[in-house]
Amino acid sequence: MPTPIHERSERLEARATRDQKALLKQAADIQGRSLSDFVVQAASDAAKKVVEEQQIIKLTKEEQEGFVKALLNPPKPGPRLRAAARRYQKAMGR
């Protein structure tokens, strides 16, 4: 199965100190990659991690237990929820 070709048509520019550039170049050389390829891949990996961390909900053990209890034994609807359900049903013609 052929490997998909990813067209790199967008340009990304960044300013770095001389030391930062030297470090990035050294790391790219170690991996046998171009500086540009190394920087783009490293930035992409870091961005994915940031996005994933934002999308994951982290709960303490107590919070996890409370969440499971609420799922398994949900509270009865209160007056505001019942009123909202009636408004919804009326709006939907039910």
N, C-alpha and C. Protein backbone atom coordinates (compact mmCIF):
# COMPACT_ATOMS: atom_id res chain seq x y z
N MET A 1 0.84 -1.18 0.00
CA MET A 1 0.00 0.00 0.00
C MET A 1 0.88 1.23 0.00
N PRO A 2 0.67 2.15 -0.94
CA PRO A 2 1.53 3.33 -1.01
C PRO A 2 1.34 4.26 0.18
N THR A 3 2.42 4.89 0.58
CA THR A 3 2.39 5.86 1.67
C THR A 3 1.79 7.16 1.15
N PRO A 4 0.81 7.73 1.87
CA PRO A 4 0.23 8.99 1.38
C PRO A 4 1.27 10.10 1.36
N ILE A 5 1.21 10.94 0.35
CA ILE A 5 2.14 12.06 0.23
C ILE A 5 1.47 13.28 0.86
N HIS A 6 2.19 13.88 1.80
CA HIS A 6 1.67 15.07 2.47
C HIS A 6 2.31 16.29 1.82
N GLU A 7 1.51 17.07 1.15
CA GLU A 7 2.01 18.26 0.48
C GLU A 7 2.23 19.35 1.51
N ARG A 8 3.42 19.85 1.55
CA ARG A 8 3.75 20.94 2.46
C ARG A 8 3.66 22.24 1.69
N SER A 9 2.50 22.86 1.77
CA SER A 9 2.29 24.08 1.02
C SER A 9 2.24 25.32 1.91
N GLU A 10 2.22 25.13 3.21
CA GLU A 10 2.14 26.26 4.14
C GLU A 10 3.53 26.57 4.68
N ARG A 11 3.76 27.82 4.94
CA ARG A 11 5.05 28.26 5.44
C ARG A 11 4.91 28.65 6.91
N LEU A 12 5.90 28.33 7.70
CA LEU A 12 5.94 28.65 9.12
C LEU A 12 7.28 29.29 9.41
N GLU A 13 7.27 30.45 10.05
CA GLU A 13 8.51 31.13 10.36
C GLU A 13 8.60 31.35 11.86
N ALA A 14 9.82 31.31 12.37
CA ALA A 14 10.03 31.53 13.80
C ALA A 14 11.42 32.14 14.01
N ARG A 15 11.53 32.91 15.04
CA ARG A 15 12.82 33.48 15.44
C ARG A 15 13.34 32.65 16.62
N ALA A 16 14.62 32.40 16.63
CA ALA A 16 15.23 31.64 17.72
C ALA A 16 16.58 32.27 18.04
N THR A 17 17.05 32.00 19.24
CA THR A 17 18.39 32.46 19.59
C THR A 17 19.40 31.56 18.87
N ARG A 18 20.63 32.00 18.83
CA ARG A 18 21.68 31.20 18.21
C ARG A 18 21.82 29.85 18.93
N ASP A 19 21.74 29.88 20.27
CA ASP A 19 21.86 28.63 21.04
C ASP A 19 20.69 27.69 20.76
N GLN A 20 19.48 28.24 20.67
CA GLN A 20 18.31 27.40 20.39
C GLN A 20 18.44 26.74 19.02
N LYS A 21 18.87 27.54 18.04
CA LYS A 21 19.02 26.99 16.69
C LYS A 21 20.10 25.90 16.67
N ALA A 22 21.18 26.13 17.35
CA ALA A 22 22.26 25.14 17.39
C ALA A 22 21.77 23.84 18.03
N LEU A 23 21.00 23.96 19.10
CA LEU A 23 20.46 22.78 19.77
C LEU A 23 19.50 22.03 18.86
N LEU A 24 18.61 22.77 18.19
CA LEU A 24 17.66 22.13 17.27
C LEU A 24 18.40 21.46 16.12
N LYS A 25 19.43 22.12 15.60
CA LYS A 25 20.22 21.55 14.50
C LYS A 25 20.92 20.28 14.96
N GLN A 26 21.47 20.30 16.16
CA GLN A 26 22.15 19.12 16.70
C GLN A 26 21.18 17.95 16.83
N ALA A 27 20.00 18.23 17.35
CA ALA A 27 18.99 17.17 17.50
C ALA A 27 18.55 16.64 16.14
N ALA A 28 18.37 17.52 15.18
CA ALA A 28 17.98 17.11 13.82
C ALA A 28 19.06 16.24 13.21
N ASP A 29 20.33 16.63 13.38
CA ASP A 29 21.45 15.86 12.85
C ASP A 29 21.50 14.46 13.47
N ILE A 30 21.25 14.39 14.77
CA ILE A 30 21.26 13.09 15.46
C ILE A 30 20.23 12.15 14.85
N GLN A 31 19.08 12.71 14.49
CA GLN A 31 18.01 11.89 13.90
C GLN A 31 18.13 11.77 12.38
N GLY A 32 19.12 12.41 11.81
CA GLY A 32 19.31 12.33 10.37
C GLY A 32 18.21 13.03 9.58
N ARG A 33 17.71 14.12 10.14
CA ARG A 33 16.63 14.87 9.50
C ARG A 33 17.08 16.29 9.24
N SER A 34 16.35 16.96 8.37
CA SER A 34 16.64 18.38 8.15
C SER A 34 16.16 19.16 9.36
N LEU A 35 16.72 20.34 9.54
CA LEU A 35 16.30 21.19 10.64
C LEU A 35 14.83 21.52 10.51
N SER A 36 14.39 21.86 9.32
CA SER A 36 13.00 22.20 9.08
C SER A 36 12.08 21.03 9.44
N ASP A 37 12.41 19.84 8.96
CA ASP A 37 11.60 18.66 9.24
C ASP A 37 11.54 18.38 10.74
N PHE A 38 12.69 18.48 11.39
CA PHE A 38 12.74 18.23 12.83
C PHE A 38 11.86 19.21 13.60
N VAL A 39 11.97 20.51 13.28
CA VAL A 39 11.21 21.54 14.00
C VAL A 39 9.72 21.37 13.77
N VAL A 40 9.32 21.13 12.52
CA VAL A 40 7.90 20.97 12.22
C VAL A 40 7.34 19.75 12.95
N GLN A 41 8.07 18.62 12.93
CA GLN A 41 7.59 17.41 13.60
C GLN A 41 7.53 17.60 15.12
N ALA A 42 8.56 18.22 15.70
CA ALA A 42 8.57 18.46 17.15
C ALA A 42 7.43 19.39 17.56
N ALA A 43 7.19 20.44 16.78
CA ALA A 43 6.10 21.36 17.09
C ALA A 43 4.75 20.67 16.94
N SER A 44 4.62 19.85 15.92
CA SER A 44 3.38 19.11 15.71
C SER A 44 3.11 18.15 16.87
N ASP A 45 4.14 17.42 17.29
CA ASP A 45 4.00 16.50 18.43
C ASP A 45 3.59 17.25 19.70
N ALA A 46 4.24 18.38 19.95
CA ALA A 46 3.91 19.18 21.13
C ALA A 46 2.48 19.71 21.06
N ALA A 47 2.06 20.15 19.88
CA ALA A 47 0.70 20.66 19.71
C ALA A 47 -0.34 19.56 19.96
N LYS A 48 -0.09 18.37 19.44
CA LYS A 48 -1.01 17.25 19.66
C LYS A 48 -1.15 16.96 21.15
N LYS A 49 -0.03 16.99 21.86
CA LYS A 49 -0.04 16.72 23.30
C LYS A 49 -0.87 17.77 24.05
N VAL A 50 -0.70 19.03 23.70
CA VAL A 50 -1.44 20.11 24.34
C VAL A 50 -2.94 19.94 24.10
N VAL A 51 -3.32 19.64 22.86
CA VAL A 51 -4.73 19.48 22.52
C VAL A 51 -5.31 18.27 23.25
N GLU A 52 -4.58 17.15 23.26
CA GLU A 52 -5.07 15.96 23.96
C GLU A 52 -5.25 16.22 25.45
N GLU A 53 -4.29 16.92 26.06
CA GLU A 53 -4.40 17.21 27.49
C GLU A 53 -5.60 18.09 27.78
N GLN A 54 -5.94 18.99 26.86
CA GLN A 54 -7.08 19.87 27.04
C GLN A 54 -8.39 19.09 26.94
N GLN A 55 -8.40 18.02 26.15
CA GLN A 55 -9.63 17.28 25.89
C GLN A 55 -9.87 16.16 26.91
N ILE A 56 -8.89 15.85 27.73
CA ILE A 56 -9.03 14.79 28.72
C ILE A 56 -9.46 15.39 30.05
N ILE A 57 -10.50 14.82 30.62
CA ILE A 57 -10.98 15.27 31.92
C ILE A 57 -10.29 14.41 32.99
N LYS A 58 -9.61 15.06 33.90
CA LYS A 58 -8.90 14.35 34.95
C LYS A 58 -9.67 14.52 36.26
N LEU A 59 -9.98 13.40 36.89
CA LEU A 59 -10.73 13.41 38.14
C LEU A 59 -9.96 12.71 39.24
N THR A 60 -10.15 13.19 40.46
CA THR A 60 -9.58 12.48 41.60
C THR A 60 -10.37 11.19 41.80
N LYS A 61 -9.88 10.33 42.65
CA LYS A 61 -10.58 9.07 42.92
C LYS A 61 -11.98 9.35 43.46
N GLU A 62 -12.10 10.32 44.34
CA GLU A 62 -13.40 10.66 44.91
C GLU A 62 -14.34 11.20 43.82
N GLU A 63 -13.81 12.03 42.94
CA GLU A 63 -14.62 12.57 41.85
C GLU A 63 -15.07 11.46 40.90
N GLN A 64 -14.17 10.51 40.63
CA GLN A 64 -14.53 9.37 39.78
C GLN A 64 -15.67 8.57 40.40
N GLU A 65 -15.55 8.31 41.69
CA GLU A 65 -16.59 7.54 42.38
C GLU A 65 -17.92 8.29 42.35
N GLY A 66 -17.89 9.60 42.60
CA GLY A 66 -19.12 10.39 42.56
C GLY A 66 -19.74 10.39 41.17
N PHE A 67 -18.92 10.46 40.14
CA PHE A 67 -19.41 10.45 38.77
C PHE A 67 -20.09 9.12 38.46
N VAL A 68 -19.46 8.02 38.83
CA VAL A 68 -20.04 6.69 38.58
C VAL A 68 -21.33 6.53 39.36
N LYS A 69 -21.36 6.97 40.61
CA LYS A 69 -22.59 6.87 41.40
C LYS A 69 -23.72 7.66 40.75
N ALA A 70 -23.41 8.85 40.25
CA ALA A 70 -24.44 9.66 39.59
C ALA A 70 -24.94 9.00 38.31
N LEU A 71 -24.06 8.31 37.61
CA LEU A 71 -24.50 7.60 36.40
C LEU A 71 -25.37 6.39 36.75
N LEU A 72 -24.96 5.67 37.77
CA LEU A 72 -25.69 4.45 38.14
C LEU A 72 -26.98 4.75 38.90
N ASN A 73 -27.00 5.83 39.66
CA ASN A 73 -28.17 6.21 40.45
C ASN A 73 -28.47 7.69 40.23
N PRO A 74 -28.96 8.05 39.05
CA PRO A 74 -29.18 9.48 38.78
C PRO A 74 -30.28 10.04 39.68
N PRO A 75 -30.14 11.29 40.08
CA PRO A 75 -31.19 11.90 40.90
C PRO A 75 -32.46 12.10 40.08
N LYS A 76 -33.59 12.16 40.76
CA LYS A 76 -34.86 12.40 40.08
C LYS A 76 -34.86 13.83 39.55
N PRO A 77 -35.53 14.05 38.41
CA PRO A 77 -35.57 15.41 37.87
C PRO A 77 -36.24 16.38 38.84
N GLY A 78 -35.64 17.55 38.98
CA GLY A 78 -36.19 18.58 39.83
C GLY A 78 -37.23 19.40 39.08
N PRO A 79 -37.84 20.37 39.75
CA PRO A 79 -38.89 21.16 39.13
C PRO A 79 -38.41 21.95 37.90
N ARG A 80 -37.20 22.47 37.94
CA ARG A 80 -36.70 23.25 36.80
C ARG A 80 -36.49 22.35 35.58
N LEU A 81 -35.97 21.14 35.79
CA LEU A 81 -35.77 20.22 34.67
C LEU A 81 -37.11 19.75 34.10
N ARG A 82 -38.07 19.49 34.98
CA ARG A 82 -39.40 19.07 34.50
C ARG A 82 -40.05 20.20 33.70
N ALA A 83 -39.91 21.44 34.17
CA ALA A 83 -40.46 22.59 33.45
C ALA A 83 -39.78 22.75 32.09
N ALA A 84 -38.47 22.55 32.05
CA ALA A 84 -37.75 22.65 30.78
C ALA A 84 -38.21 21.56 29.81
N ALA A 85 -38.45 20.37 30.33
CA ALA A 85 -38.93 19.27 29.49
C ALA A 85 -40.32 19.59 28.93
N ARG A 86 -41.18 20.18 29.76
CA ARG A 86 -42.52 20.55 29.28
C ARG A 86 -42.42 21.62 28.18
N ARG A 87 -41.55 22.62 28.39
CA ARG A 87 -41.37 23.66 27.37
C ARG A 87 -40.85 23.07 26.07
N TYR A 88 -39.92 22.14 26.18
CA TYR A 88 -39.37 21.49 24.99
C TYR A 88 -40.46 20.72 24.26
N GLN A 89 -41.23 19.93 25.01
CA GLN A 89 -42.28 19.14 24.39
C GLN A 89 -43.31 20.04 23.69
N LYS A 90 -43.66 21.14 24.35
CA LYS A 90 -44.61 22.07 23.76
C LYS A 90 -44.04 22.69 22.48
N ALA A 91 -42.78 23.09 22.53
CA ALA A 91 -42.13 23.70 21.36
C ALA A 91 -42.02 22.72 20.20
N MET A 92 -41.88 21.44 20.52
CA MET A 92 -41.74 20.42 19.48
C MET A 92 -43.09 19.85 19.05
N GLY A 93 -44.17 20.34 19.67
CA GLY A 93 -45.51 19.89 19.30
C GLY A 93 -45.83 18.49 19.78
N ARG A 94 -45.33 18.15 20.92
CA ARG A 94 -45.58 16.81 21.46
C ARG A 94 -46.53 16.85 22.62
